């Protein structure tokens, strides 16, 4: 596992645009990717996990940005995201398995 990921790598991981990641950076004060000498954003694993939570809350659960901020302040749903990711992988496996039958 790498220590740092570029904005393009993170955008591809999440299936969102780079501009959306930059926008979320302005909207969520806890999201602070480091920048190298050239100003290129470098995301750590913790940053990516926070972005996954933001993505889940806004895109999958349909919360507003304010609602997402509130959720992030009031709960730690990291475990829930891991369960959701596992269930998505399981679903994809089952769909693939069904198509082979």
PDB file of N, CA and C in Angstrom:
ATOM      1  N   UNK A   1       0.846  -1.177   0.000  1.00  0.00           N
ATOM      2  CA  UNK A   1       0.000   0.000   0.000  1.00  0.00           C
ATOM      3  C   UNK A   1       0.893   1.242   0.000  1.00  0.00           C
ATOM      4  N   UNK A   2       0.496   2.210  -0.816  1.00  0.00           N
ATOM      5  CA  UNK A   2       1.248   3.449  -0.922  1.00  0.00           C
ATOM      6  C   UNK A   2       0.939   4.362   0.265  1.00  0.00           C
ATOM      7  N   UNK A   3       1.855   5.262   0.564  1.00  0.00           N
ATOM      8  CA  UNK A   3       1.630   6.241   1.618  1.00  0.00           C
ATOM      9  C   UNK A   3       0.794   7.421   1.121  1.00  0.00           C
ATOM     10  N   UNK A   4       1.028   7.823  -0.120  1.00  0.00           N
ATOM     11  CA  UNK A   4       0.340   8.980  -0.674  1.00  0.00           C
ATOM     12  C   UNK A   4      -0.237   8.658  -2.044  1.00  0.00           C
ATOM     13  N   UNK A   5      -1.401   9.256  -2.320  1.00  0.00           N
ATOM     14  CA  UNK A   5      -2.074   9.066  -3.598  1.00  0.00           C
ATOM     15  C   UNK A   5      -2.339  10.429  -4.209  1.00  0.00           C
ATOM     16  N   UNK A   6      -2.234  10.516  -5.521  1.00  0.00           N
ATOM     17  CA  UNK A   6      -2.513  11.775  -6.214  1.00  0.00           C
ATOM     18  C   UNK A   6      -4.020  11.991  -6.302  1.00  0.00           C
ATOM     19  N   UNK A   7      -4.403  13.207  -6.621  1.00  0.00           N
ATOM     20  CA  UNK A   7      -5.819  13.528  -6.727  1.00  0.00           C
ATOM     21  C   UNK A   7      -6.477  12.718  -7.841  1.00  0.00           C
ATOM     22  N   UNK A   8      -5.744  12.454  -8.915  1.00  0.00           N
ATOM     23  CA  UNK A   8      -6.327  11.671 -10.015  1.00  0.00           C
ATOM     24  C   UNK A   8      -6.570  10.227  -9.579  1.00  0.00           C
ATOM     25  N   UNK A   9      -5.663   9.663  -8.790  1.00  0.00           N
ATOM     26  CA  UNK A   9      -5.852   8.299  -8.290  1.00  0.00           C
ATOM     27  C   UNK A   9      -7.058   8.217  -7.358  1.00  0.00           C
ATOM     28  N   UNK A  10      -7.187   9.199  -6.483  1.00  0.00           N
ATOM     29  CA  UNK A  10      -8.296   9.208  -5.527  1.00  0.00           C
ATOM     30  C   UNK A  10      -9.617   9.422  -6.255  1.00  0.00           C
ATOM     31  N   UNK A  11      -9.640  10.309  -7.227  1.00  0.00           N
ATOM     32  CA  UNK A  11     -10.859  10.554  -7.999  1.00  0.00           C
ATOM     33  C   UNK A  11     -11.293   9.273  -8.712  1.00  0.00           C
ATOM     34  N   UNK A  12     -10.344   8.553  -9.256  1.00  0.00           N
ATOM     35  CA  UNK A  12     -10.674   7.298  -9.935  1.00  0.00           C
ATOM     36  C   UNK A  12     -11.183   6.250  -8.945  1.00  0.00           C
ATOM     37  N   UNK A  13     -10.563   6.166  -7.771  1.00  0.00           N
ATOM     38  CA  UNK A  13     -11.006   5.218  -6.737  1.00  0.00           C
ATOM     39  C   UNK A  13     -12.473   5.436  -6.378  1.00  0.00           C
ATOM     40  N   UNK A  14     -12.852   6.710  -6.236  1.00  0.00           N
ATOM     41  CA  UNK A  14     -14.195   7.050  -5.785  1.00  0.00           C
ATOM     42  C   UNK A  14     -15.195   7.224  -6.924  1.00  0.00           C
ATOM     43  N   UNK A  15     -14.683   7.290  -8.146  1.00  0.00           N
ATOM     44  CA  UNK A  15     -15.569   7.495  -9.284  1.00  0.00           C
ATOM     45  C   UNK A  15     -16.160   8.889  -9.342  1.00  0.00           C
ATOM     46  N   UNK A  16     -15.375   9.869  -8.927  1.00  0.00           N
ATOM     47  CA  UNK A  16     -15.810  11.267  -8.960  1.00  0.00           C
ATOM     48  C   UNK A  16     -14.761  12.099  -9.694  1.00  0.00           C
ATOM     49  N   UNK A  17     -15.081  13.340  -9.966  1.00  0.00           N
ATOM     50  CA  UNK A  17     -14.135  14.217 -10.655  1.00  0.00           C
ATOM     51  C   UNK A  17     -13.145  14.829  -9.665  1.00  0.00           C
ATOM     52  N   UNK A  18     -12.030  15.240 -10.207  1.00  0.00           N
ATOM     53  CA  UNK A  18     -11.019  15.915  -9.382  1.00  0.00           C
ATOM     54  C   UNK A  18     -11.556  17.234  -8.850  1.00  0.00           C
ATOM     55  N   UNK A  19     -12.352  17.908  -9.647  1.00  0.00           N
ATOM     56  CA  UNK A  19     -12.906  19.193  -9.198  1.00  0.00           C
ATOM     57  C   UNK A  19     -13.838  18.992  -8.006  1.00  0.00           C
ATOM     58  N   UNK A  20     -14.567  17.876  -7.956  1.00  0.00           N
ATOM     59  CA  UNK A  20     -15.429  17.608  -6.809  1.00  0.00           C
ATOM     60  C   UNK A  20     -14.579  17.397  -5.552  1.00  0.00           C
ATOM     61  N   UNK A  21     -13.459  16.719  -5.689  1.00  0.00           N
ATOM     62  CA  UNK A  21     -12.572  16.525  -4.535  1.00  0.00           C
ATOM     63  C   UNK A  21     -12.042  17.865  -4.037  1.00  0.00           C
ATOM     64  N   UNK A  22     -11.661  18.749  -4.957  1.00  0.00           N
ATOM     65  CA  UNK A  22     -11.181  20.072  -4.555  1.00  0.00           C
ATOM     66  C   UNK A  22     -12.307  20.872  -3.886  1.00  0.00           C
ATOM     67  N   UNK A  23     -13.526  20.727  -4.398  1.00  0.00           N
ATOM     68  CA  UNK A  23     -14.675  21.413  -3.803  1.00  0.00           C
ATOM     69  C   UNK A  23     -14.921  20.895  -2.387  1.00  0.00           C
ATOM     70  N   UNK A  24     -14.923  19.585  -2.210  1.00  0.00           N
ATOM     71  CA  UNK A  24     -15.134  19.018  -0.881  1.00  0.00           C
ATOM     72  C   UNK A  24     -14.055  19.497   0.092  1.00  0.00           C
ATOM     73  N   UNK A  25     -12.858  19.701  -0.405  1.00  0.00           N
ATOM     74  CA  UNK A  25     -11.776  20.204   0.440  1.00  0.00           C
ATOM     75  C   UNK A  25     -12.122  21.586   0.995  1.00  0.00           C
ATOM     76  N   UNK A  26     -12.822  22.399   0.205  1.00  0.00           N
ATOM     77  CA  UNK A  26     -13.211  23.730   0.685  1.00  0.00           C
ATOM     78  C   UNK A  26     -14.399  23.657   1.631  1.00  0.00           C
ATOM     79  N   UNK A  27     -15.228  22.632   1.495  1.00  0.00           N
ATOM     80  CA  UNK A  27     -16.445  22.506   2.298  1.00  0.00           C
ATOM     81  C   UNK A  27     -16.252  21.773   3.631  1.00  0.00           C
ATOM     82  N   UNK A  28     -15.238  20.941   3.740  1.00  0.00           N
ATOM     83  CA  UNK A  28     -15.017  20.134   4.937  1.00  0.00           C
ATOM     84  C   UNK A  28     -13.640  20.461   5.499  1.00  0.00           C
ATOM     85  N   UNK A  29     -13.624  21.207   6.591  1.00  0.00           N
ATOM     86  CA  UNK A  29     -12.360  21.694   7.164  1.00  0.00           C
ATOM     87  C   UNK A  29     -11.451  20.561   7.621  1.00  0.00           C
ATOM     88  N   UNK A  30     -12.029  19.398   7.960  1.00  0.00           N
ATOM     89  CA  UNK A  30     -11.205  18.282   8.413  1.00  0.00           C
ATOM     90  C   UNK A  30     -10.455  17.602   7.276  1.00  0.00           C
ATOM     91  N   UNK A  31     -10.782  17.927   6.042  1.00  0.00           N
ATOM     92  CA  UNK A  31     -10.110  17.357   4.877  1.00  0.00           C
ATOM     93  C   UNK A  31      -8.975  18.286   4.464  1.00  0.00           C
ATOM     94  N   UNK A  32      -7.760  17.885   4.770  1.00  0.00           N
ATOM     95  CA  UNK A  32      -6.582  18.711   4.486  1.00  0.00           C
ATOM     96  C   UNK A  32      -5.468  17.842   3.887  1.00  0.00           C
ATOM     97  N   UNK A  33      -5.547  17.531   2.595  1.00  0.00           N
ATOM     98  CA  UNK A  33      -4.455  16.759   2.003  1.00  0.00           C
ATOM     99  C   UNK A  33      -3.175  17.590   2.001  1.00  0.00           C
ATOM    100  N   UNK A  34      -2.058  16.921   2.166  1.00  0.00           N
ATOM    101  CA  UNK A  34      -0.796  17.655   2.122  1.00  0.00           C
ATOM    102  C   UNK A  34      -0.471  17.986   0.669  1.00  0.00           C
ATOM    103  N   UNK A  35       0.393  18.952   0.489  1.00  0.00           N
ATOM    104  CA  UNK A  35       0.801  19.340  -0.858  1.00  0.00           C
ATOM    105  C   UNK A  35       2.318  19.281  -0.935  1.00  0.00           C
ATOM    106  N   UNK A  36       2.806  18.832  -2.092  1.00  0.00           N
ATOM    107  CA  UNK A  36       4.261  18.777  -2.254  1.00  0.00           C
ATOM    108  C   UNK A  36       4.790  20.159  -2.648  1.00  0.00           C
ATOM    109  N   UNK A  37       6.061  20.242  -2.953  1.00  0.00           N
ATOM    110  CA  UNK A  37       6.690  21.533  -3.251  1.00  0.00           C
ATOM    111  C   UNK A  37       6.058  22.218  -4.462  1.00  0.00           C
ATOM    112  N   UNK A  38       5.510  21.437  -5.380  1.00  0.00           N
ATOM    113  CA  UNK A  38       4.865  22.007  -6.562  1.00  0.00           C
ATOM    114  C   UNK A  38       3.395  22.315  -6.338  1.00  0.00           C
ATOM    115  N   UNK A  39       2.882  22.034  -5.135  1.00  0.00           N
ATOM    116  CA  UNK A  39       1.485  22.317  -4.826  1.00  0.00           C
ATOM    117  C   UNK A  39       0.529  21.203  -5.212  1.00  0.00           C
ATOM    118  N   UNK A  40       1.070  20.046  -5.565  1.00  0.00           N
ATOM    119  CA  UNK A  40       0.231  18.901  -5.957  1.00  0.00           C
ATOM    120  C   UNK A  40      -0.317  18.240  -4.699  1.00  0.00           C
ATOM    121  N   UNK A  41      -1.630  18.039  -4.659  1.00  0.00           N
ATOM    122  CA  UNK A  41      -2.265  17.404  -3.503  1.00  0.00           C
ATOM    123  C   UNK A  41      -1.835  15.952  -3.394  1.00  0.00           C
ATOM    124  N   UNK A  42      -1.514  15.549  -2.167  1.00  0.00           N
ATOM    125  CA  UNK A  42      -1.122  14.176  -1.890  1.00  0.00           C
ATOM    126  C   UNK A  42      -2.007  13.666  -0.753  1.00  0.00           C
ATOM    127  N   UNK A  43      -2.848  12.689  -1.061  1.00  0.00           N
ATOM    128  CA  UNK A  43      -3.816  12.158  -0.104  1.00  0.00           C
ATOM    129  C   UNK A  43      -3.262  10.947   0.621  1.00  0.00           C
ATOM    130  N   UNK A  44      -3.402  10.943   1.947  1.00  0.00           N
ATOM    131  CA  UNK A  44      -3.043   9.782   2.769  1.00  0.00           C
ATOM    132  C   UNK A  44      -4.262   8.873   2.877  1.00  0.00           C
ATOM    133  N   UNK A  45      -4.061   7.699   3.436  1.00  0.00           N
ATOM    134  CA  UNK A  45      -5.158   6.753   3.597  1.00  0.00           C
ATOM    135  C   UNK A  45      -6.280   7.348   4.454  1.00  0.00           C
ATOM    136  N   UNK A  46      -5.925   8.128   5.486  1.00  0.00           N
ATOM    137  CA  UNK A  46      -6.936   8.755   6.343  1.00  0.00           C
ATOM    138  C   UNK A  46      -7.798   9.743   5.548  1.00  0.00           C
ATOM    139  N   UNK A  47      -7.152  10.478   4.628  1.00  0.00           N
ATOM    140  CA  UNK A  47      -7.889  11.416   3.780  1.00  0.00           C
ATOM    141  C   UNK A  47      -8.867  10.660   2.879  1.00  0.00           C
ATOM    142  N   UNK A  48      -8.416   9.543   2.348  1.00  0.00           N
ATOM    143  CA  UNK A  48      -9.253   8.743   1.452  1.00  0.00           C
ATOM    144  C   UNK A  48     -10.443   8.169   2.206  1.00  0.00           C
ATOM    145  N   UNK A  49     -10.217   7.716   3.442  1.00  0.00           N
ATOM    146  CA  UNK A  49     -11.328   7.186   4.238  1.00  0.00           C
ATOM    147  C   UNK A  49     -12.365   8.283   4.517  1.00  0.00           C
ATOM    148  N   UNK A  50     -11.900   9.487   4.823  1.00  0.00           N
ATOM    149  CA  UNK A  50     -12.824  10.603   5.035  1.00  0.00           C
ATOM    150  C   UNK A  50     -13.593  10.909   3.752  1.00  0.00           C
ATOM    151  N   UNK A  51     -12.903  10.904   2.629  1.00  0.00           N
ATOM    152  CA  UNK A  51     -13.575  11.141   1.351  1.00  0.00           C
ATOM    153  C   UNK A  51     -14.595  10.051   1.048  1.00  0.00           C
ATOM    154  N   UNK A  52     -14.292   8.818   1.405  1.00  0.00           N
ATOM    155  CA  UNK A  52     -15.263   7.733   1.213  1.00  0.00           C
ATOM    156  C   UNK A  52     -16.516   7.971   2.049  1.00  0.00           C
ATOM    157  N   UNK A  53     -16.314   8.442   3.274  1.00  0.00           N
ATOM    158  CA  UNK A  53     -17.458   8.741   4.136  1.00  0.00           C
ATOM    159  C   UNK A  53     -18.291   9.881   3.545  1.00  0.00           C
ATOM    160  N   UNK A  54     -17.616  10.930   3.085  1.00  0.00           N
ATOM    161  CA  UNK A  54     -18.312  12.062   2.477  1.00  0.00           C
ATOM    162  C   UNK A  54     -19.072  11.594   1.235  1.00  0.00           C
ATOM    163  N   UNK A  55     -18.415  10.807   0.408  1.00  0.00           N
ATOM    164  CA  UNK A  55     -19.044  10.290  -0.809  1.00  0.00           C
ATOM    165  C   UNK A  55     -20.273   9.454  -0.466  1.00  0.00           C
ATOM    166  N   UNK A  56     -20.142   8.576   0.501  1.00  0.00           N
ATOM    167  CA  UNK A  56     -21.261   7.723   0.903  1.00  0.00           C
ATOM    168  C   UNK A  56     -22.440   8.563   1.390  1.00  0.00           C
ATOM    169  N   UNK A  57     -22.148   9.525   2.245  1.00  0.00           N
ATOM    170  CA  UNK A  57     -23.225  10.329   2.827  1.00  0.00           C
ATOM    171  C   UNK A  57     -23.907  11.226   1.801  1.00  0.00           C
ATOM    172  N   UNK A  58     -23.136  11.810   0.889  1.00  0.00           N
ATOM    173  CA  UNK A  58     -23.727  12.742  -0.079  1.00  0.00           C
ATOM    174  C   UNK A  58     -24.301  12.030  -1.292  1.00  0.00           C
ATOM    175  N   UNK A  59     -23.577  11.095  -1.835  1.00  0.00           N
ATOM    176  CA  UNK A  59     -23.995  10.474  -3.098  1.00  0.00           C
ATOM    177  C   UNK A  59     -24.898   9.268  -2.905  1.00  0.00           C
ATOM    178  N   UNK A  60     -24.639   8.454  -1.889  1.00  0.00           N
ATOM    179  CA  UNK A  60     -25.415   7.233  -1.714  1.00  0.00           C
ATOM    180  C   UNK A  60     -26.600   7.428  -0.773  1.00  0.00           C
ATOM    181  N   UNK A  61     -26.393   8.192   0.287  1.00  0.00           N
ATOM    182  CA  UNK A  61     -27.505   8.435   1.219  1.00  0.00           C
ATOM    183  C   UNK A  61     -28.275   9.700   0.882  1.00  0.00           C
ATOM    184  N   UNK A  62     -27.702  10.535   0.024  1.00  0.00           N
ATOM    185  CA  UNK A  62     -28.416  11.716  -0.450  1.00  0.00           C
ATOM    186  C   UNK A  62     -28.469  12.877   0.527  1.00  0.00           C
ATOM    187  N   UNK A  63     -27.555  12.926   1.480  1.00  0.00           N
ATOM    188  CA  UNK A  63     -27.555  14.040   2.429  1.00  0.00           C
ATOM    189  C   UNK A  63     -27.005  15.302   1.775  1.00  0.00           C
ATOM    190  N   UNK A  64     -27.447  16.431   2.280  1.00  0.00           N
ATOM    191  CA  UNK A  64     -26.883  17.703   1.846  1.00  0.00           C
ATOM    192  C   UNK A  64     -25.495  17.841   2.457  1.00  0.00           C
ATOM    193  N   UNK A  65     -24.762  18.846   2.033  1.00  0.00           N
ATOM    194  CA  UNK A  65     -23.436  19.076   2.611  1.00  0.00           C
ATOM    195  C   UNK A  65     -23.550  19.366   4.101  1.00  0.00           C
ATOM    196  N   UNK A  66     -24.553  20.152   4.488  1.00  0.00           N
ATOM    197  CA  UNK A  66     -24.749  20.453   5.911  1.00  0.00           C
ATOM    198  C   UNK A  66     -25.101  19.180   6.679  1.00  0.00           C
ATOM    199  N   UNK A  67     -25.956  18.353   6.107  1.00  0.00           N
ATOM    200  CA  UNK A  67     -26.310  17.090   6.736  1.00  0.00           C
ATOM    201  C   UNK A  67     -25.110  16.170   6.868  1.00  0.00           C
ATOM    202  N   UNK A  68     -24.264  16.178   5.864  1.00  0.00           N
ATOM    203  CA  UNK A  68     -23.044  15.371   5.899  1.00  0.00           C
ATOM    204  C   UNK A  68     -22.099  15.876   6.982  1.00  0.00           C
ATOM    205  N   UNK A  69     -21.953  17.209   7.078  1.00  0.00           N
ATOM    206  CA  UNK A  69     -21.106  17.775   8.143  1.00  0.00           C
ATOM    207  C   UNK A  69     -21.611  17.336   9.511  1.00  0.00           C
ATOM    208  N   UNK A  70     -22.925  17.398   9.690  1.00  0.00           N
ATOM    209  CA  UNK A  70     -23.530  17.013  10.967  1.00  0.00           C
ATOM    210  C   UNK A  70     -23.262  15.532  11.270  1.00  0.00           C
ATOM    211  N   UNK A  71     -23.433  14.686  10.284  1.00  0.00           N
ATOM    212  CA  UNK A  71     -23.166  13.251  10.469  1.00  0.00           C
ATOM    213  C   UNK A  71     -21.711  13.011  10.855  1.00  0.00           C
ATOM    214  N   UNK A  72     -20.804  13.706  10.181  1.00  0.00           N
ATOM    215  CA  UNK A  72     -19.378  13.533  10.474  1.00  0.00           C
ATOM    216  C   UNK A  72     -19.041  13.985  11.886  1.00  0.00           C
ATOM    217  N   UNK A  73     -19.714  15.041  12.352  1.00  0.00           N
ATOM    218  CA  UNK A  73     -19.461  15.536  13.709  1.00  0.00           C
ATOM    219  C   UNK A  73     -20.017  14.593  14.771  1.00  0.00           C
ATOM    220  N   UNK A  74     -21.175  14.012  14.494  1.00  0.00           N
ATOM    221  CA  UNK A  74     -21.898  13.272  15.526  1.00  0.00           C
ATOM    222  C   UNK A  74     -21.668  11.776  15.552  1.00  0.00           C
ATOM    223  N   UNK A  75     -21.085  11.211  14.527  1.00  0.00           N
ATOM    224  CA  UNK A  75     -20.920   9.763  14.551  1.00  0.00           C
ATOM    225  C   UNK A  75     -19.659   9.339  13.829  1.00  0.00           C
ATOM    226  N   UNK A  76     -19.243   8.152  14.177  1.00  0.00           N
ATOM    227  CA  UNK A  76     -18.109   7.539  13.504  1.00  0.00           C
ATOM    228  C   UNK A  76     -18.643   6.319  12.779  1.00  0.00           C
ATOM    229  N   UNK A  77     -18.950   6.483  11.486  1.00  0.00           N
ATOM    230  CA  UNK A  77     -19.539   5.380  10.736  1.00  0.00           C
ATOM    231  C   UNK A  77     -18.520   4.639   9.883  1.00  0.00           C
ATOM    232  N   UNK A  78     -17.245   4.661  10.299  1.00  0.00           N
ATOM    233  CA  UNK A  78     -16.198   3.971   9.557  1.00  0.00           C
ATOM    234  C   UNK A  78     -16.508   2.487   9.451  1.00  0.00           C
ATOM    235  N   UNK A  79     -16.948   1.876  10.563  1.00  0.00           N
ATOM    236  CA  UNK A  79     -17.284   0.460  10.528  1.00  0.00           C
ATOM    237  C   UNK A  79     -18.424   0.201   9.563  1.00  0.00           C
ATOM    238  N   UNK A  80     -19.413   1.077   9.545  1.00  0.00           N
ATOM    239  CA  UNK A  80     -20.536   0.918   8.618  1.00  0.00           C
ATOM    240  C   UNK A  80     -20.060   0.963   7.178  1.00  0.00           C
ATOM    241  N   UNK A  81     -19.113   1.843   6.864  1.00  0.00           N
ATOM    242  CA  UNK A  81     -18.608   1.926   5.503  1.00  0.00           C
ATOM    243  C   UNK A  81     -17.891   0.657   5.105  1.00  0.00           C
ATOM    244  N   UNK A  82     -17.164   0.063   6.036  1.00  0.00           N
ATOM    245  CA  UNK A  82     -16.480  -1.194   5.734  1.00  0.00           C
ATOM    246  C   UNK A  82     -17.496  -2.294   5.457  1.00  0.00           C
ATOM    247  N   UNK A  83     -18.563  -2.331   6.214  1.00  0.00           N
ATOM    248  CA  UNK A  83     -19.623  -3.321   5.986  1.00  0.00           C
ATOM    249  C   UNK A  83     -20.268  -3.080   4.628  1.00  0.00           C
ATOM    250  N   UNK A  84     -20.556  -1.834   4.310  1.00  0.00           N
ATOM    251  CA  UNK A  84     -21.165  -1.497   3.027  1.00  0.00           C
ATOM    252  C   UNK A  84     -20.254  -1.900   1.878  1.00  0.00           C
ATOM    253  N   UNK A  85     -18.947  -1.604   1.989  1.00  0.00           N
ATOM    254  CA  UNK A  85     -18.001  -1.995   0.944  1.00  0.00           C
ATOM    255  C   UNK A  85     -17.973  -3.514   0.777  1.00  0.00           C
ATOM    256  N   UNK A  86     -17.975  -4.239   1.886  1.00  0.00           N
ATOM    257  CA  UNK A  86     -17.977  -5.704   1.822  1.00  0.00           C
ATOM    258  C   UNK A  86     -19.242  -6.223   1.165  1.00  0.00           C
ATOM    259  N   UNK A  87     -20.378  -5.638   1.521  1.00  0.00           N
ATOM    260  CA  UNK A  87     -21.640  -6.055   0.916  1.00  0.00           C
ATOM    261  C   UNK A  87     -21.678  -5.754  -0.580  1.00  0.00           C
ATOM    262  N   UNK A  88     -21.122  -4.619  -0.990  1.00  0.00           N
ATOM    263  CA  UNK A  88     -21.066  -4.287  -2.415  1.00  0.00           C
ATOM    264  C   UNK A  88     -20.207  -5.303  -3.168  1.00  0.00           C
ATOM    265  N   UNK A  89     -19.068  -5.675  -2.576  1.00  0.00           N
ATOM    266  CA  UNK A  89     -18.201  -6.667  -3.204  1.00  0.00           C
ATOM    267  C   UNK A  89     -18.913  -8.015  -3.299  1.00  0.00           C
ATOM    268  N   UNK A  90     -19.618  -8.391  -2.240  1.00  0.00           N
ATOM    269  CA  UNK A  90     -20.355  -9.645  -2.228  1.00  0.00           C
ATOM    270  C   UNK A  90     -21.456  -9.638  -3.285  1.00  0.00           C
ATOM    271  N   UNK A  91     -22.159  -8.514  -3.389  1.00  0.00           N
ATOM    272  CA  UNK A  91     -23.217  -8.404  -4.389  1.00  0.00           C
ATOM    273  C   UNK A  91     -22.642  -8.543  -5.791  1.00  0.00           C
ATOM    274  N   UNK A  92     -21.533  -7.868  -6.064  1.00  0.00           N
ATOM    275  CA  UNK A  92     -20.906  -7.957  -7.385  1.00  0.00           C
ATOM    276  C   UNK A  92     -20.492  -9.397  -7.685  1.00  0.00           C
ATOM    277  N   UNK A  93     -19.962 -10.078  -6.687  1.00  0.00           N
ATOM    278  CA  UNK A  93     -19.567 -11.480  -6.853  1.00  0.00           C
ATOM    279  C   UNK A  93     -20.784 -12.339  -7.174  1.00  0.00           C
ATOM    280  N   UNK A  94     -21.878 -12.134  -6.450  1.00  0.00           N
ATOM    281  CA  UNK A  94     -23.085 -12.934  -6.667  1.00  0.00           C
ATOM    282  C   UNK A  94     -23.713 -12.658  -8.036  1.00  0.00           C
ATOM    283  N   UNK A  95     -23.712 -11.402  -8.448  1.00  0.00           N
ATOM    284  CA  UNK A  95     -24.240 -11.062  -9.776  1.00  0.00           C
ATOM    285  C   UNK A  95     -23.387 -11.732 -10.850  1.00  0.00           C
ATOM    286  N   UNK A  96     -22.077 -11.697 -10.674  1.00  0.00           N
ATOM    287  CA  UNK A  96     -21.178 -12.338 -11.620  1.00  0.00           C
ATOM    288  C   UNK A  96     -21.407 -13.844 -11.646  1.00  0.00           C
ATOM    289  N   UNK A  97     -21.559 -14.431 -10.488  1.00  0.00           N
ATOM    290  CA  UNK A  97     -21.803 -15.860 -10.372  1.00  0.00           C
ATOM    291  C   UNK A  97     -23.120 -16.246 -11.045  1.00  0.00           C
ATOM    292  N   UNK A  98     -24.148 -15.435 -10.846  1.00  0.00           N
ATOM    293  CA  UNK A  98     -25.449 -15.697 -11.452  1.00  0.00           C
ATOM    294  C   UNK A  98     -25.379 -15.632 -12.973  1.00  0.00           C
ATOM    295  N   UNK A  99     -24.594 -14.699 -13.484  1.00  0.00           N
ATOM    296  CA  UNK A  99     -24.492 -14.563 -14.940  1.00  0.00           C
ATOM    297  C   UNK A  99     -23.755 -15.731 -15.572  1.00  0.00           C
ATOM    298  N   UNK A 100     -22.980 -16.464 -14.793  1.00  0.00           N
ATOM    299  CA  UNK A 100     -22.240 -17.617 -15.310  1.00  0.00           C
ATOM    300  C   UNK A 100     -23.105 -18.865 -15.355  1.00  0.00           C
ATOM    301  N   UNK A 101     -24.223 -18.841 -14.653  1.00  0.00           N
ATOM    302  CA  UNK A 101     -25.096 -20.028 -14.594  1.00  0.00           C
ATOM    303  C   UNK A 101     -26.020 -20.070 -15.788  1.00  0.00           C
TER     304      UNK A 101
END
